[in-house]
């Protein structure tokens, strides 16, 4: 067993990379999908040492079914603006 903080940090990092990759590394778009500011995304990328163009790991533990729903929801919000 590992501490909860370590597991949550790994999940957050994997999810951030997955969202960024799905948005073709367009940070503004990824921030909108995530519901956070671009500055907050930049801070999270720095904290997790995420570099532009990084590939999502094969062992990434984030739920693959979650992402398309989140992106579709963000796209609908963007269309309403």
PDB file of N, CA and C in Angstrom:
ATOM      1  N   UNK A   1       0.835  -1.190   0.000  1.00  0.00           N
ATOM      2  CA  UNK A   1       0.000   0.000   0.000  1.00  0.00           C
ATOM      3  C   UNK A   1       0.875   1.246   0.000  1.00  0.00           C
ATOM      4  N   UNK A   2       0.376   2.265  -0.690  1.00  0.00           N
ATOM      5  CA  UNK A   2       1.095   3.535  -0.741  1.00  0.00           C
ATOM      6  C   UNK A   2       0.223   4.632  -0.161  1.00  0.00           C
ATOM      7  N   UNK A   3       0.845   5.727   0.258  1.00  0.00           N
ATOM      8  CA  UNK A   3       0.064   6.837   0.812  1.00  0.00           C
ATOM      9  C   UNK A   3      -0.897   7.407  -0.241  1.00  0.00           C
ATOM     10  N   UNK A   4      -2.040   7.858   0.214  1.00  0.00           N
ATOM     11  CA  UNK A   4      -3.058   8.404  -0.667  1.00  0.00           C
ATOM     12  C   UNK A   4      -2.525   9.589  -1.472  1.00  0.00           C
ATOM     13  N   UNK A   5      -1.742  10.447  -0.848  1.00  0.00           N
ATOM     14  CA  UNK A   5      -1.206  11.629  -1.538  1.00  0.00           C
ATOM     15  C   UNK A   5      -0.362  11.227  -2.751  1.00  0.00           C
ATOM     16  N   UNK A   6       0.419  10.170  -2.620  1.00  0.00           N
ATOM     17  CA  UNK A   6       1.260   9.703  -3.727  1.00  0.00           C
ATOM     18  C   UNK A   6       0.405   9.168  -4.877  1.00  0.00           C
ATOM     19  N   UNK A   7      -0.621   8.422  -4.542  1.00  0.00           N
ATOM     20  CA  UNK A   7      -1.506   7.854  -5.563  1.00  0.00           C
ATOM     21  C   UNK A   7      -2.264   8.968  -6.288  1.00  0.00           C
ATOM     22  N   UNK A   8      -2.769   9.943  -5.528  1.00  0.00           N
ATOM     23  CA  UNK A   8      -3.516  11.044  -6.130  1.00  0.00           C
ATOM     24  C   UNK A   8      -2.614  11.887  -7.027  1.00  0.00           C
ATOM     25  N   UNK A   9      -1.380  12.083  -6.617  1.00  0.00           N
ATOM     26  CA  UNK A   9      -0.433  12.855  -7.418  1.00  0.00           C
ATOM     27  C   UNK A   9      -0.145  12.144  -8.740  1.00  0.00           C
ATOM     28  N   UNK A  10       0.050  10.836  -8.693  1.00  0.00           N
ATOM     29  CA  UNK A  10       0.287  10.056  -9.913  1.00  0.00           C
ATOM     30  C   UNK A  10      -0.914  10.124 -10.851  1.00  0.00           C
ATOM     31  N   UNK A  11      -2.111  10.005 -10.281  1.00  0.00           N
ATOM     32  CA  UNK A  11      -3.324  10.060 -11.089  1.00  0.00           C
ATOM     33  C   UNK A  11      -3.460  11.434 -11.734  1.00  0.00           C
ATOM     34  N   UNK A  12      -3.240  12.493 -10.938  1.00  0.00           N
ATOM     35  CA  UNK A  12      -3.360  13.848 -11.468  1.00  0.00           C
ATOM     36  C   UNK A  12      -2.380  14.065 -12.617  1.00  0.00           C
ATOM     37  N   UNK A  13      -1.143  13.624 -12.445  1.00  0.00           N
ATOM     38  CA  UNK A  13      -0.133  13.788 -13.486  1.00  0.00           C
ATOM     39  C   UNK A  13      -0.542  13.049 -14.760  1.00  0.00           C
ATOM     40  N   UNK A  14      -0.962  11.801 -14.603  1.00  0.00           N
ATOM     41  CA  UNK A  14      -1.372  11.002 -15.765  1.00  0.00           C
ATOM     42  C   UNK A  14      -2.566  11.643 -16.466  1.00  0.00           C
ATOM     43  N   UNK A  15      -3.508  12.161 -15.701  1.00  0.00           N
ATOM     44  CA  UNK A  15      -4.695  12.775 -16.287  1.00  0.00           C
ATOM     45  C   UNK A  15      -4.333  14.067 -17.020  1.00  0.00           C
ATOM     46  N   UNK A  16      -3.458  14.875 -16.424  1.00  0.00           N
ATOM     47  CA  UNK A  16      -3.021  16.109 -17.070  1.00  0.00           C
ATOM     48  C   UNK A  16      -2.345  15.819 -18.415  1.00  0.00           C
ATOM     49  N   UNK A  17      -1.466  14.844 -18.438  1.00  0.00           N
ATOM     50  CA  UNK A  17      -0.765  14.492 -19.681  1.00  0.00           C
ATOM     51  C   UNK A  17      -1.760  14.000 -20.716  1.00  0.00           C
ATOM     52  N   UNK A  18      -2.732  13.213 -20.284  1.00  0.00           N
ATOM     53  CA  UNK A  18      -3.727  12.669 -21.198  1.00  0.00           C
ATOM     54  C   UNK A  18      -4.580  13.789 -21.797  1.00  0.00           C
ATOM     55  N   UNK A  19      -5.020  14.733 -20.967  1.00  0.00           N
ATOM     56  CA  UNK A  19      -5.829  15.851 -21.464  1.00  0.00           C
ATOM     57  C   UNK A  19      -5.001  16.726 -22.401  1.00  0.00           C
ATOM     58  N   UNK A  20      -3.777  17.046 -21.999  1.00  0.00           N
ATOM     59  CA  UNK A  20      -2.909  17.864 -22.848  1.00  0.00           C
ATOM     60  C   UNK A  20      -2.681  17.194 -24.207  1.00  0.00           C
ATOM     61  N   UNK A  21      -2.418  15.913 -24.197  1.00  0.00           N
ATOM     62  CA  UNK A  21      -2.188  15.187 -25.451  1.00  0.00           C
ATOM     63  C   UNK A  21      -3.448  15.190 -26.314  1.00  0.00           C
ATOM     64  N   UNK A  22      -4.608  15.014 -25.691  1.00  0.00           N
ATOM     65  CA  UNK A  22      -5.850  14.997 -26.462  1.00  0.00           C
ATOM     66  C   UNK A  22      -6.171  16.369 -27.049  1.00  0.00           C
ATOM     67  N   UNK A  23      -5.651  17.428 -26.421  1.00  0.00           N
ATOM     68  CA  UNK A  23      -5.845  18.799 -26.924  1.00  0.00           C
ATOM     69  C   UNK A  23      -4.665  19.233 -27.782  1.00  0.00           C
ATOM     70  N   UNK A  24      -3.831  18.268 -28.177  1.00  0.00           N
ATOM     71  CA  UNK A  24      -2.648  18.520 -28.998  1.00  0.00           C
ATOM     72  C   UNK A  24      -1.733  19.565 -28.363  1.00  0.00           C
ATOM     73  N   UNK A  25      -1.637  19.510 -27.053  1.00  0.00           N
ATOM     74  CA  UNK A  25      -0.742  20.359 -26.251  1.00  0.00           C
ATOM     75  C   UNK A  25      -1.077  21.850 -26.341  1.00  0.00           C
ATOM     76  N   UNK A  26      -2.321  22.159 -26.687  1.00  0.00           N
ATOM     77  CA  UNK A  26      -2.782  23.546 -26.631  1.00  0.00           C
ATOM     78  C   UNK A  26      -3.235  23.808 -25.203  1.00  0.00           C
ATOM     79  N   UNK A  27      -2.425  24.541 -24.474  1.00  0.00           N
ATOM     80  CA  UNK A  27      -2.643  24.730 -23.039  1.00  0.00           C
ATOM     81  C   UNK A  27      -3.953  25.436 -22.721  1.00  0.00           C
ATOM     82  N   UNK A  28      -4.310  26.427 -23.496  1.00  0.00           N
ATOM     83  CA  UNK A  28      -5.554  27.154 -23.240  1.00  0.00           C
ATOM     84  C   UNK A  28      -6.748  26.217 -23.345  1.00  0.00           C
ATOM     85  N   UNK A  29      -6.756  25.415 -24.391  1.00  0.00           N
ATOM     86  CA  UNK A  29      -7.848  24.456 -24.597  1.00  0.00           C
ATOM     87  C   UNK A  29      -7.872  23.421 -23.470  1.00  0.00           C
ATOM     88  N   UNK A  30      -6.697  22.923 -23.098  1.00  0.00           N
ATOM     89  CA  UNK A  30      -6.618  21.934 -22.022  1.00  0.00           C
ATOM     90  C   UNK A  30      -7.103  22.531 -20.696  1.00  0.00           C
ATOM     91  N   UNK A  31      -6.739  23.773 -20.432  1.00  0.00           N
ATOM     92  CA  UNK A  31      -7.181  24.435 -19.203  1.00  0.00           C
ATOM     93  C   UNK A  31      -8.700  24.555 -19.180  1.00  0.00           C
ATOM     94  N   UNK A  32      -9.296  24.877 -20.322  1.00  0.00           N
ATOM     95  CA  UNK A  32     -10.757  24.972 -20.401  1.00  0.00           C
ATOM     96  C   UNK A  32     -11.403  23.616 -20.159  1.00  0.00           C
ATOM     97  N   UNK A  33     -10.846  22.570 -20.751  1.00  0.00           N
ATOM     98  CA  UNK A  33     -11.370  21.216 -20.549  1.00  0.00           C
ATOM     99  C   UNK A  33     -11.301  20.839 -19.070  1.00  0.00           C
ATOM    100  N   UNK A  34     -10.207  21.196 -18.435  1.00  0.00           N
ATOM    101  CA  UNK A  34     -10.003  20.857 -17.026  1.00  0.00           C
ATOM    102  C   UNK A  34     -10.771  21.770 -16.075  1.00  0.00           C
ATOM    103  N   UNK A  35     -11.239  22.903 -16.586  1.00  0.00           N
ATOM    104  CA  UNK A  35     -11.978  23.835 -15.738  1.00  0.00           C
ATOM    105  C   UNK A  35     -11.070  24.622 -14.804  1.00  0.00           C
ATOM    106  N   UNK A  36      -9.821  24.867 -15.246  1.00  0.00           N
ATOM    107  CA  UNK A  36      -8.870  25.628 -14.443  1.00  0.00           C
ATOM    108  C   UNK A  36      -8.276  26.733 -15.308  1.00  0.00           C
ATOM    109  N   UNK A  37      -7.592  27.670 -14.660  1.00  0.00           N
ATOM    110  CA  UNK A  37      -6.961  28.744 -15.425  1.00  0.00           C
ATOM    111  C   UNK A  37      -5.709  28.225 -16.112  1.00  0.00           C
ATOM    112  N   UNK A  38      -5.264  28.968 -17.125  1.00  0.00           N
ATOM    113  CA  UNK A  38      -4.037  28.603 -17.830  1.00  0.00           C
ATOM    114  C   UNK A  38      -2.846  28.668 -16.871  1.00  0.00           C
ATOM    115  N   UNK A  39      -2.861  29.657 -15.972  1.00  0.00           N
ATOM    116  CA  UNK A  39      -1.790  29.789 -14.981  1.00  0.00           C
ATOM    117  C   UNK A  39      -1.766  28.572 -14.055  1.00  0.00           C
ATOM    118  N   UNK A  40      -2.943  28.145 -13.619  1.00  0.00           N
ATOM    119  CA  UNK A  40      -3.020  26.984 -12.735  1.00  0.00           C
ATOM    120  C   UNK A  40      -2.515  25.733 -13.449  1.00  0.00           C
ATOM    121  N   UNK A  41      -2.850  25.598 -14.726  1.00  0.00           N
ATOM    122  CA  UNK A  41      -2.356  24.465 -15.503  1.00  0.00           C
ATOM    123  C   UNK A  41      -0.836  24.517 -15.594  1.00  0.00           C
ATOM    124  N   UNK A  42      -0.301  25.696 -15.873  1.00  0.00           N
ATOM    125  CA  UNK A  42       1.158  25.853 -15.963  1.00  0.00           C
ATOM    126  C   UNK A  42       1.812  25.455 -14.639  1.00  0.00           C
ATOM    127  N   UNK A  43       1.230  25.881 -13.516  1.00  0.00           N
ATOM    128  CA  UNK A  43       1.783  25.544 -12.202  1.00  0.00           C
ATOM    129  C   UNK A  43       1.743  24.038 -11.957  1.00  0.00           C
ATOM    130  N   UNK A  44       0.651  23.395 -12.353  1.00  0.00           N
ATOM    131  CA  UNK A  44       0.541  21.944 -12.180  1.00  0.00           C
ATOM    132  C   UNK A  44       1.555  21.215 -13.070  1.00  0.00           C
ATOM    133  N   UNK A  45       1.739  21.720 -14.299  1.00  0.00           N
ATOM    134  CA  UNK A  45       2.726  21.112 -15.189  1.00  0.00           C
ATOM    135  C   UNK A  45       4.129  21.235 -14.597  1.00  0.00           C
ATOM    136  N   UNK A  46       4.444  22.375 -14.019  1.00  0.00           N
ATOM    137  CA  UNK A  46       5.762  22.574 -13.402  1.00  0.00           C
ATOM    138  C   UNK A  46       5.926  21.672 -12.183  1.00  0.00           C
ATOM    139  N   UNK A  47       4.877  21.582 -11.362  1.00  0.00           N
ATOM    140  CA  UNK A  47       4.950  20.760 -10.148  1.00  0.00           C
ATOM    141  C   UNK A  47       5.144  19.282 -10.479  1.00  0.00           C
ATOM    142  N   UNK A  48       4.506  18.832 -11.562  1.00  0.00           N
ATOM    143  CA  UNK A  48       4.593  17.421 -11.962  1.00  0.00           C
ATOM    144  C   UNK A  48       5.714  17.175 -12.970  1.00  0.00           C
ATOM    145  N   UNK A  49       6.440  18.233 -13.313  1.00  0.00           N
ATOM    146  CA  UNK A  49       7.534  18.150 -14.296  1.00  0.00           C
ATOM    147  C   UNK A  49       7.057  17.562 -15.626  1.00  0.00           C
ATOM    148  N   UNK A  50       5.962  18.123 -16.115  1.00  0.00           N
ATOM    149  CA  UNK A  50       5.398  17.697 -17.394  1.00  0.00           C
ATOM    150  C   UNK A  50       5.973  18.597 -18.481  1.00  0.00           C
ATOM    151  N   UNK A  51       6.515  17.993 -19.514  1.00  0.00           N
ATOM    152  CA  UNK A  51       7.101  18.739 -20.625  1.00  0.00           C
ATOM    153  C   UNK A  51       6.194  18.644 -21.846  1.00  0.00           C
ATOM    154  N   UNK A  52       6.186  19.703 -22.657  1.00  0.00           N
ATOM    155  CA  UNK A  52       5.372  19.718 -23.874  1.00  0.00           C
ATOM    156  C   UNK A  52       5.669  18.501 -24.737  1.00  0.00           C
ATOM    157  N   UNK A  53       4.616  17.899 -25.256  1.00  0.00           N
ATOM    158  CA  UNK A  53       4.772  16.778 -26.173  1.00  0.00           C
ATOM    159  C   UNK A  53       4.978  15.435 -25.503  1.00  0.00           C
ATOM    160  N   UNK A  54       4.968  15.406 -24.186  1.00  0.00           N
ATOM    161  CA  UNK A  54       5.166  14.144 -23.464  1.00  0.00           C
ATOM    162  C   UNK A  54       4.024  13.186 -23.797  1.00  0.00           C
ATOM    163  N   UNK A  55       4.362  11.943 -24.005  1.00  0.00           N
ATOM    164  CA  UNK A  55       3.355  10.943 -24.339  1.00  0.00           C
ATOM    165  C   UNK A  55       2.739  10.383 -23.061  1.00  0.00           C
ATOM    166  N   UNK A  56       1.414  10.142 -23.084  1.00  0.00           N
ATOM    167  CA  UNK A  56       0.808   9.482 -21.926  1.00  0.00           C
ATOM    168  C   UNK A  56       1.419   8.099 -21.755  1.00  0.00           C
ATOM    169  N   UNK A  57       1.788   7.751 -20.557  1.00  0.00           N
ATOM    170  CA  UNK A  57       2.402   6.455 -20.287  1.00  0.00           C
ATOM    171  C   UNK A  57       1.420   5.321 -20.469  1.00  0.00           C
ATOM    172  N   UNK A  58       1.920   4.187 -20.862  1.00  0.00           N
ATOM    173  CA  UNK A  58       1.076   3.006 -21.032  1.00  0.00           C
ATOM    174  C   UNK A  58       0.493   2.573 -19.695  1.00  0.00           C
ATOM    175  N   UNK A  59       1.216   2.906 -18.613  1.00  0.00           N
ATOM    176  CA  UNK A  59       0.751   2.510 -17.289  1.00  0.00           C
ATOM    177  C   UNK A  59      -0.051   3.614 -16.613  1.00  0.00           C
ATOM    178  N   UNK A  60      -0.438   4.639 -17.368  1.00  0.00           N
ATOM    179  CA  UNK A  60      -1.220   5.730 -16.787  1.00  0.00           C
ATOM    180  C   UNK A  60      -2.499   5.163 -16.208  1.00  0.00           C
ATOM    181  N   UNK A  61      -2.764   5.537 -14.983  1.00  0.00           N
ATOM    182  CA  UNK A  61      -3.881   4.928 -14.275  1.00  0.00           C
ATOM    183  C   UNK A  61      -5.165   5.730 -14.362  1.00  0.00           C
ATOM    184  N   UNK A  62      -5.227   6.763 -15.186  1.00  0.00           N
ATOM    185  CA  UNK A  62      -6.467   7.515 -15.241  1.00  0.00           C
ATOM    186  C   UNK A  62      -7.479   6.776 -16.110  1.00  0.00           C
ATOM    187  N   UNK A  63      -8.715   6.961 -15.788  1.00  0.00           N
ATOM    188  CA  UNK A  63      -9.808   6.258 -16.438  1.00  0.00           C
ATOM    189  C   UNK A  63      -9.968   6.737 -17.878  1.00  0.00           C
ATOM    190  N   UNK A  64      -9.784   5.850 -18.830  1.00  0.00           N
ATOM    191  CA  UNK A  64      -9.848   6.218 -20.244  1.00  0.00           C
ATOM    192  C   UNK A  64     -11.265   6.595 -20.669  1.00  0.00           C
ATOM    193  N   UNK A  65     -12.286   6.104 -19.968  1.00  0.00           N
ATOM    194  CA  UNK A  65     -13.660   6.430 -20.345  1.00  0.00           C
ATOM    195  C   UNK A  65     -14.034   7.825 -19.875  1.00  0.00           C
ATOM    196  N   UNK A  66     -13.336   8.365 -18.912  1.00  0.00           N
ATOM    197  CA  UNK A  66     -13.621   9.668 -18.340  1.00  0.00           C
ATOM    198  C   UNK A  66     -13.316  10.806 -19.303  1.00  0.00           C
ATOM    199  N   UNK A  67     -12.222  10.722 -20.005  1.00  0.00           N
ATOM    200  CA  UNK A  67     -11.719  11.830 -20.795  1.00  0.00           C
ATOM    201  C   UNK A  67     -12.654  12.265 -21.928  1.00  0.00           C
ATOM    202  N   UNK A  68     -13.154  11.368 -22.764  1.00  0.00           N
ATOM    203  CA  UNK A  68     -14.022  11.836 -23.847  1.00  0.00           C
ATOM    204  C   UNK A  68     -15.244  12.597 -23.331  1.00  0.00           C
ATOM    205  N   UNK A  69     -15.807  12.163 -22.218  1.00  0.00           N
ATOM    206  CA  UNK A  69     -16.967  12.840 -21.650  1.00  0.00           C
ATOM    207  C   UNK A  69     -16.600  14.245 -21.212  1.00  0.00           C
ATOM    208  N   UNK A  70     -15.451  14.407 -20.586  1.00  0.00           N
ATOM    209  CA  UNK A  70     -14.992  15.715 -20.130  1.00  0.00           C
ATOM    210  C   UNK A  70     -14.748  16.630 -21.312  1.00  0.00           C
ATOM    211  N   UNK A  71     -14.135  16.117 -22.360  1.00  0.00           N
ATOM    212  CA  UNK A  71     -13.844  16.939 -23.545  1.00  0.00           C
ATOM    213  C   UNK A  71     -15.144  17.333 -24.248  1.00  0.00           C
ATOM    214  N   UNK A  72     -16.079  16.407 -24.353  1.00  0.00           N
ATOM    215  CA  UNK A  72     -17.357  16.738 -24.997  1.00  0.00           C
ATOM    216  C   UNK A  72     -18.086  17.825 -24.216  1.00  0.00           C
ATOM    217  N   UNK A  73     -18.073  17.727 -22.891  1.00  0.00           N
ATOM    218  CA  UNK A  73     -18.732  18.716 -22.049  1.00  0.00           C
ATOM    219  C   UNK A  73     -18.083  20.094 -22.250  1.00  0.00           C
ATOM    220  N   UNK A  74     -16.761  20.142 -22.288  1.00  0.00           N
ATOM    221  CA  UNK A  74     -16.050  21.413 -22.491  1.00  0.00           C
ATOM    222  C   UNK A  74     -16.361  21.980 -23.871  1.00  0.00           C
ATOM    223  N   UNK A  75     -16.463  21.122 -24.879  1.00  0.00           N
ATOM    224  CA  UNK A  75     -16.760  21.574 -26.229  1.00  0.00           C
ATOM    225  C   UNK A  75     -18.168  22.174 -26.275  1.00  0.00           C
ATOM    226  N   UNK A  76     -19.108  21.559 -25.575  1.00  0.00           N
ATOM    227  CA  UNK A  76     -20.471  22.105 -25.520  1.00  0.00           C
ATOM    228  C   UNK A  76     -20.486  23.462 -24.835  1.00  0.00           C
ATOM    229  N   UNK A  77     -19.724  23.595 -23.748  1.00  0.00           N
ATOM    230  CA  UNK A  77     -19.634  24.883 -23.048  1.00  0.00           C
ATOM    231  C   UNK A  77     -19.041  25.937 -23.976  1.00  0.00           C
ATOM    232  N   UNK A  78     -18.005  25.573 -24.737  1.00  0.00           N
ATOM    233  CA  UNK A  78     -17.368  26.502 -25.653  1.00  0.00           C
ATOM    234  C   UNK A  78     -18.316  26.937 -26.763  1.00  0.00           C
ATOM    235  N   UNK A  79     -19.167  26.039 -27.218  1.00  0.00           N
ATOM    236  CA  UNK A  79     -20.102  26.356 -28.299  1.00  0.00           C
ATOM    237  C   UNK A  79     -21.184  27.316 -27.834  1.00  0.00           C
ATOM    238  N   UNK A  80     -21.476  27.302 -26.542  1.00  0.00           N
ATOM    239  CA  UNK A  80     -22.515  28.180 -25.994  1.00  0.00           C
ATOM    240  C   UNK A  80     -22.039  29.613 -25.844  1.00  0.00           C
ATOM    241  N   UNK A  81     -20.734  29.826 -25.800  1.00  0.00           N
ATOM    242  CA  UNK A  81     -20.194  31.175 -25.552  1.00  0.00           C
ATOM    243  C   UNK A  81     -20.356  32.076 -26.722  1.00  0.00           C
TER     244      UNK A  81
END
